[in-house]
Amino acid sequence: MPNQPPHRQLLPHTLDEWISFGRLLLAALLWIPALLRSPRVVAAGVVLSALSDTADGAVSRLQGGRSNYSRQLDAVADSAVMLSSLGWLMLARPGALQPVKRTILAIAAVAALLLAIEWRRYRKLGALHIGSARAAAAIGHLYMLDLFWRGSASRAFLRLFQMLAAGAIIESAWVILGDHDLDDHTSLPLLKRLHLKMRS
């Protein structure tokens, strides 16, 4: 008998996968209040999205781990929310992105390049779960929520986000370009590597 091709999963099966899938649907639905210029409704949706991101991680740990499909879906949902939030902001709060425009363009260009390299080398996308990237995402969320809610944001938030994003890019590049196991999911890969070197 010839080898059967592996089954490609299209729809979620487990609870954590359904939560990530729901976040993806939410990203599509939030374009409606953005088009209607209701920035505070969008802000509430972004908070719900962040809570669901925390929930799917907690559920997957209770289930004993994540499937490869779950990791991929989580990464796609996160990217959809992050990229869409720029469009929502431009529609709901015209001009609010001006102070952070160059930062976003630089991050987007480098992230796209790293994702392309990651796909070419490993046939996987995202889901590195690096601590610096999580910290940058958390501060980025707060910055964006401030923009949605008030139409302006703290300069200190912006500077902190820029520093954390730079650290996340360096660390992600080190993992993707180096000879690493992407399924390791070490939150501090550079520190782990330095620690192992010091012990050897």
N, C-alpha and C. Protein backbone atom coordinates (compact mmCIF):
# COMPACT_ATOMS: atom_id res chain seq x y z
N MET A 1 0.85 -1.20 0.00
CA MET A 1 0.00 0.00 0.00
C MET A 1 0.88 1.26 0.00
N PRO A 2 0.59 2.23 -0.86
CA PRO A 2 1.37 3.48 -0.82
C PRO A 2 1.10 4.25 0.46
N ASN A 3 2.12 5.02 0.87
CA ASN A 3 1.96 5.83 2.07
C ASN A 3 0.86 6.86 1.87
N GLN A 4 -0.05 6.93 2.87
CA GLN A 4 -1.13 7.91 2.81
C GLN A 4 -0.59 9.28 3.23
N PRO A 5 -0.98 10.36 2.55
CA PRO A 5 -0.52 11.69 2.98
C PRO A 5 -1.10 12.01 4.35
N PRO A 6 -0.33 12.75 5.19
CA PRO A 6 -0.83 13.08 6.52
C PRO A 6 -2.11 13.91 6.45
N HIS A 7 -3.04 13.64 7.38
CA HIS A 7 -4.31 14.37 7.41
C HIS A 7 -4.06 15.82 7.81
N ARG A 8 -4.61 16.74 7.03
CA ARG A 8 -4.44 18.16 7.33
C ARG A 8 -5.66 18.66 8.08
N GLN A 9 -5.45 19.11 9.32
CA GLN A 9 -6.57 19.59 10.14
C GLN A 9 -7.00 20.98 9.69
N LEU A 10 -8.29 21.15 9.46
CA LEU A 10 -8.81 22.44 9.01
C LEU A 10 -9.59 23.16 10.10
N LEU A 11 -10.32 22.41 10.93
CA LEU A 11 -11.14 23.02 11.98
C LEU A 11 -10.64 22.61 13.37
N PRO A 12 -10.91 23.44 14.39
CA PRO A 12 -10.47 23.11 15.76
C PRO A 12 -11.14 21.84 16.28
N HIS A 13 -10.42 21.14 17.17
CA HIS A 13 -10.96 19.96 17.82
C HIS A 13 -11.03 20.14 19.33
N THR A 14 -9.99 20.73 19.91
CA THR A 14 -9.91 20.85 21.37
C THR A 14 -10.32 22.25 21.82
N LEU A 15 -10.56 22.40 23.13
CA LEU A 15 -11.04 23.67 23.67
C LEU A 15 -10.07 24.81 23.41
N ASP A 16 -8.76 24.58 23.61
CA ASP A 16 -7.79 25.65 23.38
C ASP A 16 -7.78 26.09 21.92
N GLU A 17 -7.98 25.13 21.00
CA GLU A 17 -8.05 25.46 19.59
C GLU A 17 -9.29 26.29 19.27
N TRP A 18 -10.41 25.96 19.89
CA TRP A 18 -11.64 26.73 19.67
C TRP A 18 -11.51 28.15 20.20
N ILE A 19 -10.80 28.31 21.33
CA ILE A 19 -10.60 29.66 21.89
C ILE A 19 -9.77 30.50 20.92
N SER A 20 -8.70 29.92 20.39
CA SER A 20 -7.87 30.64 19.41
C SER A 20 -8.67 30.95 18.14
N PHE A 21 -9.50 30.00 17.71
CA PHE A 21 -10.35 30.20 16.54
C PHE A 21 -11.34 31.34 16.78
N GLY A 22 -11.88 31.40 18.00
CA GLY A 22 -12.79 32.49 18.38
C GLY A 22 -12.10 33.84 18.32
N ARG A 23 -10.82 33.86 18.73
CA ARG A 23 -10.06 35.12 18.66
C ARG A 23 -9.87 35.56 17.21
N LEU A 24 -9.69 34.60 16.33
CA LEU A 24 -9.57 34.91 14.90
C LEU A 24 -10.87 35.49 14.35
N LEU A 25 -12.01 34.92 14.76
CA LEU A 25 -13.31 35.45 14.34
C LEU A 25 -13.55 36.85 14.91
N LEU A 26 -13.12 37.04 16.17
CA LEU A 26 -13.27 38.35 16.81
C LEU A 26 -12.50 39.42 16.04
N ALA A 27 -11.31 39.06 15.56
CA ALA A 27 -10.50 40.01 14.78
C ALA A 27 -11.26 40.46 13.54
N ALA A 28 -12.02 39.55 12.92
CA ALA A 28 -12.83 39.92 11.75
C ALA A 28 -14.00 40.81 12.13
N LEU A 29 -14.66 40.46 13.25
CA LEU A 29 -15.85 41.21 13.67
C LEU A 29 -15.53 42.64 14.13
N LEU A 30 -14.35 42.85 14.68
CA LEU A 30 -14.01 44.18 15.21
C LEU A 30 -13.82 45.24 14.13
N TRP A 31 -13.78 44.81 12.86
CA TRP A 31 -13.74 45.80 11.79
C TRP A 31 -15.05 46.60 11.72
N ILE A 32 -16.14 46.00 12.20
CA ILE A 32 -17.44 46.69 12.14
C ILE A 32 -17.45 47.94 13.03
N PRO A 33 -17.14 47.83 14.36
CA PRO A 33 -17.11 49.05 15.16
C PRO A 33 -16.01 50.02 14.73
N ALA A 34 -14.93 49.48 14.15
CA ALA A 34 -13.86 50.37 13.67
C ALA A 34 -14.39 51.23 12.51
N LEU A 35 -15.12 50.60 11.59
CA LEU A 35 -15.71 51.33 10.46
C LEU A 35 -16.77 52.32 10.92
N LEU A 36 -17.45 51.99 12.04
CA LEU A 36 -18.49 52.87 12.59
C LEU A 36 -17.91 53.94 13.52
N ARG A 37 -16.57 53.98 13.58
CA ARG A 37 -15.86 54.95 14.44
C ARG A 37 -16.29 54.86 15.89
N SER A 38 -16.22 53.63 16.43
CA SER A 38 -16.52 53.39 17.85
C SER A 38 -15.27 52.82 18.51
N PRO A 39 -14.26 53.68 18.76
CA PRO A 39 -12.96 53.19 19.24
C PRO A 39 -13.03 52.48 20.59
N ARG A 40 -13.96 52.89 21.46
CA ARG A 40 -14.03 52.24 22.78
C ARG A 40 -14.62 50.83 22.70
N VAL A 41 -15.48 50.60 21.72
CA VAL A 41 -15.98 49.24 21.49
C VAL A 41 -14.83 48.35 20.99
N VAL A 42 -14.01 48.90 20.10
CA VAL A 42 -12.84 48.17 19.62
C VAL A 42 -11.89 47.88 20.78
N ALA A 43 -11.70 48.86 21.66
CA ALA A 43 -10.82 48.68 22.82
C ALA A 43 -11.31 47.52 23.69
N ALA A 44 -12.63 47.44 23.90
CA ALA A 44 -13.20 46.33 24.68
C ALA A 44 -12.93 45.00 23.98
N GLY A 45 -13.01 44.99 22.65
CA GLY A 45 -12.72 43.78 21.89
C GLY A 45 -11.27 43.36 22.00
N VAL A 46 -10.36 44.34 22.03
CA VAL A 46 -8.93 44.05 22.18
C VAL A 46 -8.65 43.44 23.56
N VAL A 47 -9.33 43.96 24.58
CA VAL A 47 -9.19 43.39 25.94
C VAL A 47 -9.69 41.95 25.95
N LEU A 48 -10.84 41.71 25.33
CA LEU A 48 -11.39 40.35 25.25
C LEU A 48 -10.43 39.42 24.51
N SER A 49 -9.82 39.93 23.46
CA SER A 49 -8.84 39.14 22.70
C SER A 49 -7.64 38.76 23.57
N ALA A 50 -7.15 39.73 24.36
CA ALA A 50 -6.01 39.46 25.24
C ALA A 50 -6.36 38.42 26.30
N LEU A 51 -7.58 38.52 26.82
CA LEU A 51 -8.03 37.54 27.83
C LEU A 51 -8.13 36.14 27.21
N SER A 52 -8.61 36.06 25.97
CA SER A 52 -8.73 34.76 25.31
C SER A 52 -7.35 34.17 25.01
N ASP A 53 -6.37 35.05 24.75
CA ASP A 53 -5.00 34.60 24.50
C ASP A 53 -4.43 33.95 25.76
N THR A 54 -4.73 34.56 26.91
CA THR A 54 -4.30 33.98 28.19
C THR A 54 -5.05 32.68 28.46
N ALA A 55 -6.34 32.66 28.14
CA ALA A 55 -7.18 31.49 28.42
C ALA A 55 -6.75 30.27 27.61
N ASP A 56 -6.44 30.47 26.31
CA ASP A 56 -6.09 29.28 25.52
C ASP A 56 -4.78 28.66 25.99
N GLY A 57 -3.85 29.51 26.47
CA GLY A 57 -2.61 28.98 27.03
C GLY A 57 -2.85 28.17 28.30
N ALA A 58 -3.72 28.71 29.17
CA ALA A 58 -4.04 28.02 30.43
C ALA A 58 -4.75 26.70 30.16
N VAL A 59 -5.69 26.71 29.21
CA VAL A 59 -6.44 25.49 28.88
C VAL A 59 -5.50 24.43 28.29
N SER A 60 -4.58 24.85 27.42
CA SER A 60 -3.66 23.88 26.81
C SER A 60 -2.76 23.24 27.86
N ARG A 61 -2.36 24.03 28.88
CA ARG A 61 -1.55 23.45 29.96
C ARG A 61 -2.35 22.43 30.75
N LEU A 62 -3.62 22.72 30.99
CA LEU A 62 -4.49 21.77 31.70
C LEU A 62 -4.71 20.49 30.89
N GLN A 63 -4.72 20.64 29.57
CA GLN A 63 -4.89 19.48 28.68
C GLN A 63 -3.62 18.66 28.54
N GLY A 64 -2.50 19.20 29.08
CA GLY A 64 -1.24 18.46 29.02
C GLY A 64 -0.35 18.84 27.86
N GLY A 65 -0.64 19.94 27.20
CA GLY A 65 0.22 20.38 26.10
C GLY A 65 -0.58 20.82 24.89
N ARG A 66 0.14 21.38 23.92
CA ARG A 66 -0.49 21.90 22.71
C ARG A 66 -0.14 21.07 21.51
N SER A 67 -1.09 20.93 20.61
CA SER A 67 -0.81 20.30 19.32
C SER A 67 -0.12 21.32 18.42
N ASN A 68 0.50 20.84 17.35
CA ASN A 68 1.13 21.74 16.40
C ASN A 68 0.08 22.65 15.76
N TYR A 69 -1.11 22.10 15.49
CA TYR A 69 -2.21 22.90 14.93
C TYR A 69 -2.60 24.03 15.88
N SER A 70 -2.65 23.72 17.18
CA SER A 70 -3.01 24.72 18.19
C SER A 70 -2.00 25.86 18.22
N ARG A 71 -0.72 25.52 18.15
CA ARG A 71 0.33 26.55 18.15
C ARG A 71 0.23 27.44 16.92
N GLN A 72 0.03 26.80 15.77
CA GLN A 72 -0.08 27.55 14.53
C GLN A 72 -1.31 28.48 14.54
N LEU A 73 -2.44 27.95 15.02
CA LEU A 73 -3.67 28.74 15.07
C LEU A 73 -3.52 29.91 16.03
N ASP A 74 -2.88 29.67 17.16
CA ASP A 74 -2.63 30.72 18.15
C ASP A 74 -1.78 31.83 17.52
N ALA A 75 -0.73 31.45 16.81
CA ALA A 75 0.16 32.43 16.17
C ALA A 75 -0.58 33.23 15.10
N VAL A 76 -1.41 32.56 14.30
CA VAL A 76 -2.19 33.24 13.25
C VAL A 76 -3.18 34.21 13.87
N ALA A 77 -3.88 33.77 14.94
CA ALA A 77 -4.85 34.63 15.62
C ALA A 77 -4.18 35.85 16.22
N ASP A 78 -3.03 35.66 16.87
CA ASP A 78 -2.28 36.79 17.46
C ASP A 78 -1.87 37.78 16.37
N SER A 79 -1.35 37.26 15.26
CA SER A 79 -0.92 38.13 14.16
C SER A 79 -2.10 38.88 13.56
N ALA A 80 -3.24 38.20 13.44
CA ALA A 80 -4.44 38.84 12.87
C ALA A 80 -4.89 40.01 13.75
N VAL A 81 -4.88 39.80 15.07
CA VAL A 81 -5.30 40.87 15.98
C VAL A 81 -4.31 42.03 15.95
N MET A 82 -3.01 41.70 15.99
CA MET A 82 -1.99 42.76 16.01
C MET A 82 -2.01 43.59 14.74
N LEU A 83 -2.08 42.92 13.58
CA LEU A 83 -2.08 43.65 12.32
C LEU A 83 -3.39 44.40 12.11
N SER A 84 -4.51 43.76 12.47
CA SER A 84 -5.81 44.40 12.31
C SER A 84 -5.94 45.64 13.19
N SER A 85 -5.34 45.59 14.38
CA SER A 85 -5.48 46.72 15.31
C SER A 85 -4.96 48.02 14.71
N LEU A 86 -3.97 47.92 13.81
CA LEU A 86 -3.47 49.12 13.13
C LEU A 86 -4.55 49.69 12.21
N GLY A 87 -5.22 48.80 11.48
CA GLY A 87 -6.31 49.24 10.60
C GLY A 87 -7.48 49.79 11.40
N TRP A 88 -7.83 49.11 12.51
CA TRP A 88 -8.93 49.59 13.36
C TRP A 88 -8.64 50.99 13.86
N LEU A 89 -7.37 51.20 14.28
CA LEU A 89 -7.00 52.50 14.84
C LEU A 89 -7.06 53.59 13.77
N MET A 90 -6.60 53.28 12.57
CA MET A 90 -6.64 54.28 11.49
C MET A 90 -8.08 54.68 11.15
N LEU A 91 -8.99 53.70 11.24
CA LEU A 91 -10.40 53.98 10.94
C LEU A 91 -11.10 54.70 12.09
N ALA A 92 -10.88 54.20 13.31
CA ALA A 92 -11.62 54.71 14.47
C ALA A 92 -11.02 55.98 15.06
N ARG A 93 -9.70 56.13 14.95
CA ARG A 93 -9.01 57.32 15.49
C ARG A 93 -8.03 57.84 14.44
N PRO A 94 -8.50 58.48 13.38
CA PRO A 94 -7.59 58.97 12.33
C PRO A 94 -6.50 59.88 12.91
N GLY A 95 -5.26 59.61 12.52
CA GLY A 95 -4.13 60.43 12.97
C GLY A 95 -3.48 59.95 14.25
N ALA A 96 -4.12 59.03 14.98
CA ALA A 96 -3.58 58.59 16.28
C ALA A 96 -2.28 57.80 16.14
N LEU A 97 -2.07 57.17 14.97
CA LEU A 97 -0.88 56.33 14.77
C LEU A 97 0.36 57.12 14.37
N GLN A 98 0.22 58.40 14.11
CA GLN A 98 1.33 59.19 13.59
C GLN A 98 2.60 59.10 14.43
N PRO A 99 2.53 59.23 15.78
CA PRO A 99 3.76 59.19 16.58
C PRO A 99 4.48 57.84 16.55
N VAL A 100 3.77 56.76 16.23
CA VAL A 100 4.36 55.43 16.30
C VAL A 100 4.50 54.79 14.91
N LYS A 101 4.25 55.58 13.88
CA LYS A 101 4.22 55.07 12.50
C LYS A 101 5.55 54.44 12.08
N ARG A 102 6.67 55.12 12.32
CA ARG A 102 7.98 54.59 11.90
C ARG A 102 8.34 53.33 12.66
N THR A 103 8.02 53.32 13.95
CA THR A 103 8.30 52.14 14.77
C THR A 103 7.56 50.93 14.24
N ILE A 104 6.28 51.10 13.93
CA ILE A 104 5.45 50.00 13.45
C ILE A 104 5.95 49.49 12.10
N LEU A 105 6.31 50.40 11.20
CA LEU A 105 6.81 50.00 9.88
C LEU A 105 8.10 49.20 10.01
N ALA A 106 9.01 49.65 10.90
CA ALA A 106 10.28 48.95 11.10
C ALA A 106 10.05 47.55 11.68
N ILE A 107 9.19 47.47 12.69
CA ILE A 107 8.90 46.17 13.31
C ILE A 107 8.24 45.23 12.30
N ALA A 108 7.29 45.76 11.52
CA ALA A 108 6.58 44.94 10.54
C ALA A 108 7.53 44.39 9.48
N ALA A 109 8.47 45.23 9.01
CA ALA A 109 9.41 44.80 7.97
C ALA A 109 10.33 43.69 8.50
N VAL A 110 10.89 43.88 9.70
CA VAL A 110 11.80 42.88 10.27
C VAL A 110 11.05 41.60 10.61
N ALA A 111 9.84 41.74 11.19
CA ALA A 111 9.04 40.57 11.56
C ALA A 111 8.68 39.75 10.32
N ALA A 112 8.31 40.43 9.23
CA ALA A 112 7.96 39.73 7.99
C ALA A 112 9.16 38.95 7.46
N LEU A 113 10.33 39.55 7.52
CA LEU A 113 11.55 38.89 7.05
C LEU A 113 11.86 37.65 7.90
N LEU A 114 11.77 37.80 9.23
CA LEU A 114 12.04 36.67 10.13
C LEU A 114 11.03 35.54 9.94
N LEU A 115 9.75 35.89 9.76
CA LEU A 115 8.73 34.87 9.53
C LEU A 115 8.97 34.12 8.22
N ALA A 116 9.40 34.85 7.18
CA ALA A 116 9.70 34.22 5.90
C ALA A 116 10.87 33.24 6.04
N ILE A 117 11.90 33.66 6.79
CA ILE A 117 13.06 32.78 7.02
C ILE A 117 12.65 31.57 7.84
N GLU A 118 11.83 31.81 8.88
CA GLU A 118 11.37 30.72 9.73
C GLU A 118 10.58 29.68 8.91
N TRP A 119 9.70 30.16 8.04
CA TRP A 119 8.91 29.25 7.21
C TRP A 119 9.81 28.46 6.26
N ARG A 120 10.78 29.14 5.67
CA ARG A 120 11.68 28.47 4.71
C ARG A 120 12.54 27.42 5.40
N ARG A 121 13.01 27.73 6.60
CA ARG A 121 13.90 26.80 7.29
C ARG A 121 13.18 25.66 8.00
N TYR A 122 12.03 26.00 8.64
CA TYR A 122 11.38 25.03 9.52
C TYR A 122 9.96 24.63 9.09
N ARG A 123 9.41 25.30 8.09
CA ARG A 123 8.01 25.11 7.69
C ARG A 123 7.06 25.34 8.87
N LYS A 124 7.38 26.34 9.69
CA LYS A 124 6.54 26.72 10.83
C LYS A 124 6.48 28.24 10.88
N LEU A 125 5.45 28.76 11.54
CA LEU A 125 5.31 30.19 11.70
C LEU A 125 5.06 30.54 13.16
N GLY A 126 5.82 31.50 13.66
CA GLY A 126 5.57 32.07 14.98
C GLY A 126 5.65 31.09 16.13
N ALA A 127 4.89 31.39 17.19
CA ALA A 127 4.78 30.53 18.38
C ALA A 127 6.12 30.27 19.05
N LEU A 128 6.99 31.28 19.11
CA LEU A 128 8.26 31.10 19.81
C LEU A 128 8.10 31.24 21.32
N HIS A 129 7.11 31.99 21.77
CA HIS A 129 6.82 32.19 23.20
C HIS A 129 8.01 32.74 23.98
N ILE A 130 8.71 33.71 23.40
CA ILE A 130 9.86 34.33 24.05
C ILE A 130 9.37 35.41 25.01
N GLY A 131 9.99 35.46 26.20
CA GLY A 131 9.58 36.41 27.24
C GLY A 131 9.62 37.86 26.79
N SER A 132 10.67 38.25 26.07
CA SER A 132 10.79 39.65 25.63
C SER A 132 9.67 40.01 24.65
N ALA A 133 9.27 39.05 23.81
CA ALA A 133 8.18 39.30 22.86
C ALA A 133 6.85 39.44 23.60
N ARG A 134 6.67 38.62 24.64
CA ARG A 134 5.44 38.73 25.45
C ARG A 134 5.38 40.08 26.15
N ALA A 135 6.51 40.52 26.69
CA ALA A 135 6.55 41.82 27.38
C ALA A 135 6.27 42.96 26.40
N ALA A 136 6.87 42.88 25.20
CA ALA A 136 6.63 43.91 24.18
C ALA A 136 5.17 43.93 23.76
N ALA A 137 4.58 42.73 23.62
CA ALA A 137 3.16 42.64 23.24
C ALA A 137 2.26 43.23 24.32
N ALA A 138 2.60 42.97 25.59
CA ALA A 138 1.79 43.50 26.71
C ALA A 138 1.82 45.03 26.72
N ILE A 139 3.02 45.60 26.61
CA ILE A 139 3.14 47.07 26.60
C ILE A 139 2.51 47.64 25.33
N GLY A 140 2.68 46.95 24.21
CA GLY A 140 2.06 47.39 22.96
C GLY A 140 0.55 47.42 23.07
N HIS A 141 -0.03 46.39 23.72
CA HIS A 141 -1.47 46.36 23.94
C HIS A 141 -1.92 47.56 24.78
N LEU A 142 -1.19 47.85 25.84
CA LEU A 142 -1.56 48.99 26.71
C LEU A 142 -1.48 50.31 25.94
N TYR A 143 -0.43 50.43 25.12
CA TYR A 143 -0.26 51.64 24.32
C TYR A 143 -1.44 51.81 23.35
N MET A 144 -1.77 50.72 22.66
CA MET A 144 -2.88 50.78 21.70
C MET A 144 -4.21 51.05 22.39
N LEU A 145 -4.43 50.43 23.55
CA LEU A 145 -5.68 50.66 24.29
C LEU A 145 -5.80 52.12 24.69
N ASP A 146 -4.68 52.73 25.09
CA ASP A 146 -4.67 54.15 25.43
C ASP A 146 -5.07 55.00 24.22
N LEU A 147 -4.53 54.61 23.04
CA LEU A 147 -4.87 55.34 21.81
C LEU A 147 -6.35 55.18 21.47
N PHE A 148 -6.86 53.95 21.61
CA PHE A 148 -8.28 53.72 21.32
C PHE A 148 -9.17 54.49 22.28
N TRP A 149 -8.80 54.49 23.57
CA TRP A 149 -9.67 55.05 24.59
C TRP A 149 -9.63 56.58 24.60
N ARG A 150 -8.40 57.16 24.53
CA ARG A 150 -8.27 58.61 24.68
C ARG A 150 -7.87 59.33 23.39
N GLY A 151 -7.34 58.57 22.43
CA GLY A 151 -6.87 59.21 21.20
C GLY A 151 -5.43 59.65 21.28
N SER A 152 -4.80 59.49 22.44
CA SER A 152 -3.37 59.81 22.62
C SER A 152 -2.81 58.82 23.64
N ALA A 153 -1.47 58.75 23.71
CA ALA A 153 -0.86 57.80 24.64
C ALA A 153 0.43 58.36 25.22
N SER A 154 0.83 57.79 26.34
CA SER A 154 2.03 58.23 27.05
C SER A 154 3.29 58.00 26.22
N ARG A 155 4.17 58.99 26.19
CA ARG A 155 5.46 58.85 25.48
C ARG A 155 6.34 57.81 26.15
N ALA A 156 6.21 57.69 27.47
CA ALA A 156 7.00 56.69 28.21
C ALA A 156 6.62 55.28 27.76
N PHE A 157 5.31 55.06 27.52
CA PHE A 157 4.84 53.77 27.01
C PHE A 157 5.49 53.46 25.66
N LEU A 158 5.55 54.48 24.81
CA LEU A 158 6.12 54.30 23.48
C LEU A 158 7.59 53.92 23.56
N ARG A 159 8.36 54.64 24.39
CA ARG A 159 9.80 54.35 24.54
C ARG A 159 10.02 52.94 25.09
N LEU A 160 9.22 52.56 26.08
CA LEU A 160 9.34 51.23 26.67
C LEU A 160 9.00 50.16 25.63
N PHE A 161 7.96 50.39 24.86
CA PHE A 161 7.58 49.45 23.81
C PHE A 161 8.69 49.31 22.78
N GLN A 162 9.30 50.43 22.38
CA GLN A 162 10.39 50.38 21.39
C GLN A 162 11.57 49.56 21.90
N MET A 163 11.92 49.75 23.17
CA MET A 163 13.04 48.99 23.75
C MET A 163 12.74 47.50 23.82
N LEU A 164 11.54 47.15 24.29
CA LEU A 164 11.17 45.75 24.41
C LEU A 164 11.05 45.09 23.04
N ALA A 165 10.50 45.83 22.07
CA ALA A 165 10.36 45.29 20.71
C ALA A 165 11.73 45.02 20.09
N ALA A 166 12.69 45.93 20.33
CA ALA A 166 14.05 45.72 19.81
C ALA A 166 14.66 44.46 20.43
N GLY A 167 14.48 44.29 21.74
CA GLY A 167 14.99 43.09 22.41
C GLY A 167 14.35 41.82 21.89
N ALA A 168 13.03 41.89 21.65
CA ALA A 168 12.29 40.73 21.14
C ALA A 168 12.76 40.35 19.73
N ILE A 169 13.03 41.35 18.90
CA ILE A 169 13.50 41.09 17.54
C ILE A 169 14.88 40.44 17.56
N ILE A 170 15.77 40.95 18.42
CA ILE A 170 17.12 40.37 18.53
C ILE A 170 17.04 38.92 18.98
N GLU A 171 16.23 38.68 20.01
CA GLU A 171 16.12 37.33 20.55
C GLU A 171 15.45 36.38 19.55
N SER A 172 14.40 36.84 18.88
CA SER A 172 13.72 36.01 17.87
C SER A 172 14.66 35.69 16.71
N ALA A 173 15.42 36.69 16.26
CA ALA A 173 16.38 36.47 15.18
C ALA A 173 17.42 35.45 15.59
N TRP A 174 17.88 35.52 16.83
CA TRP A 174 18.88 34.58 17.33
C TRP A 174 18.35 33.14 17.31
N VAL A 175 17.08 32.98 17.67
CA VAL A 175 16.47 31.64 17.67
C VAL A 175 16.23 31.15 16.25
N ILE A 176 15.65 31.99 15.40
CA ILE A 176 15.27 31.58 14.05
C ILE A 176 16.48 31.34 13.15
N LEU A 177 17.49 32.20 13.26
CA LEU A 177 18.66 32.10 12.40
C LEU A 177 19.68 31.08 12.91
N GLY A 178 19.62 30.76 14.19
CA GLY A 178 20.56 29.79 14.77
C GLY A 178 20.07 28.37 14.60
N ASP A 179 20.83 27.45 15.20
CA ASP A 179 20.48 26.04 15.12
C ASP A 179 19.73 25.65 16.39
N HIS A 180 18.43 25.98 16.43
CA HIS A 180 17.64 25.79 17.65
C HIS A 180 16.41 24.93 17.39
N ASP A 181 15.93 24.34 18.46
CA ASP A 181 14.69 23.57 18.41
C ASP A 181 13.53 24.54 18.69
N LEU A 182 12.71 24.80 17.68
CA LEU A 182 11.61 25.75 17.84
C LEU A 182 10.53 25.25 18.79
N ASP A 183 10.53 23.94 19.06
CA ASP A 183 9.54 23.38 19.98
C ASP A 183 10.00 23.44 21.44
N ASP A 184 11.18 24.02 21.67
CA ASP A 184 11.71 24.13 23.03
C ASP A 184 10.86 25.08 23.87
N HIS A 185 10.44 26.21 23.28
CA HIS A 185 9.58 27.22 23.93
C HIS A 185 10.19 27.77 25.23
N THR A 186 11.52 27.90 25.26
CA THR A 186 12.17 28.55 26.39
C THR A 186 11.83 30.03 26.37
N SER A 187 11.38 30.56 27.50
CA SER A 187 10.97 31.97 27.51
C SER A 187 12.16 32.92 27.45
N LEU A 188 13.33 32.46 27.91
CA LEU A 188 14.54 33.29 27.89
C LEU A 188 15.67 32.52 27.21
N PRO A 189 15.60 32.31 25.89
CA PRO A 189 16.57 31.45 25.22
C PRO A 189 18.01 31.93 25.31
N LEU A 190 18.23 33.25 25.23
CA LEU A 190 19.61 33.76 25.31
C LEU A 190 20.21 33.51 26.68
N LEU A 191 19.43 33.76 27.73
CA LEU A 191 19.93 33.53 29.09
C LEU A 191 20.19 32.04 29.33
N LYS A 192 19.31 31.20 28.80
CA LYS A 192 19.49 29.75 28.95
C LYS A 192 20.79 29.31 28.29
N ARG A 193 21.05 29.84 27.10
CA ARG A 193 22.27 29.48 26.38
C ARG A 193 23.51 29.93 27.14
N LEU A 194 23.49 31.17 27.67
CA LEU A 194 24.62 31.69 28.44
C LEU A 194 24.84 30.86 29.70
N HIS A 195 23.75 30.46 30.36
CA HIS A 195 23.83 29.65 31.57
C HIS A 195 24.47 28.29 31.28
N LEU A 196 24.05 27.66 30.17
CA LEU A 196 24.63 26.37 29.79
C LEU A 196 26.10 26.49 29.45
N LYS A 197 26.48 27.61 28.81
CA LYS A 197 27.89 27.81 28.45
C LYS A 197 28.75 27.99 29.70
N MET A 198 28.19 28.73 30.69
CA MET A 198 28.94 28.97 31.92
C MET A 198 29.12 27.67 32.71
N ARG A 199 28.16 26.76 32.61
CA ARG A 199 28.25 25.49 33.35
C ARG A 199 29.20 24.52 32.69
N SER A 200 29.37 24.64 31.36
CA SER A 200 30.24 23.68 30.64
C SER A 200 31.71 24.10 30.64
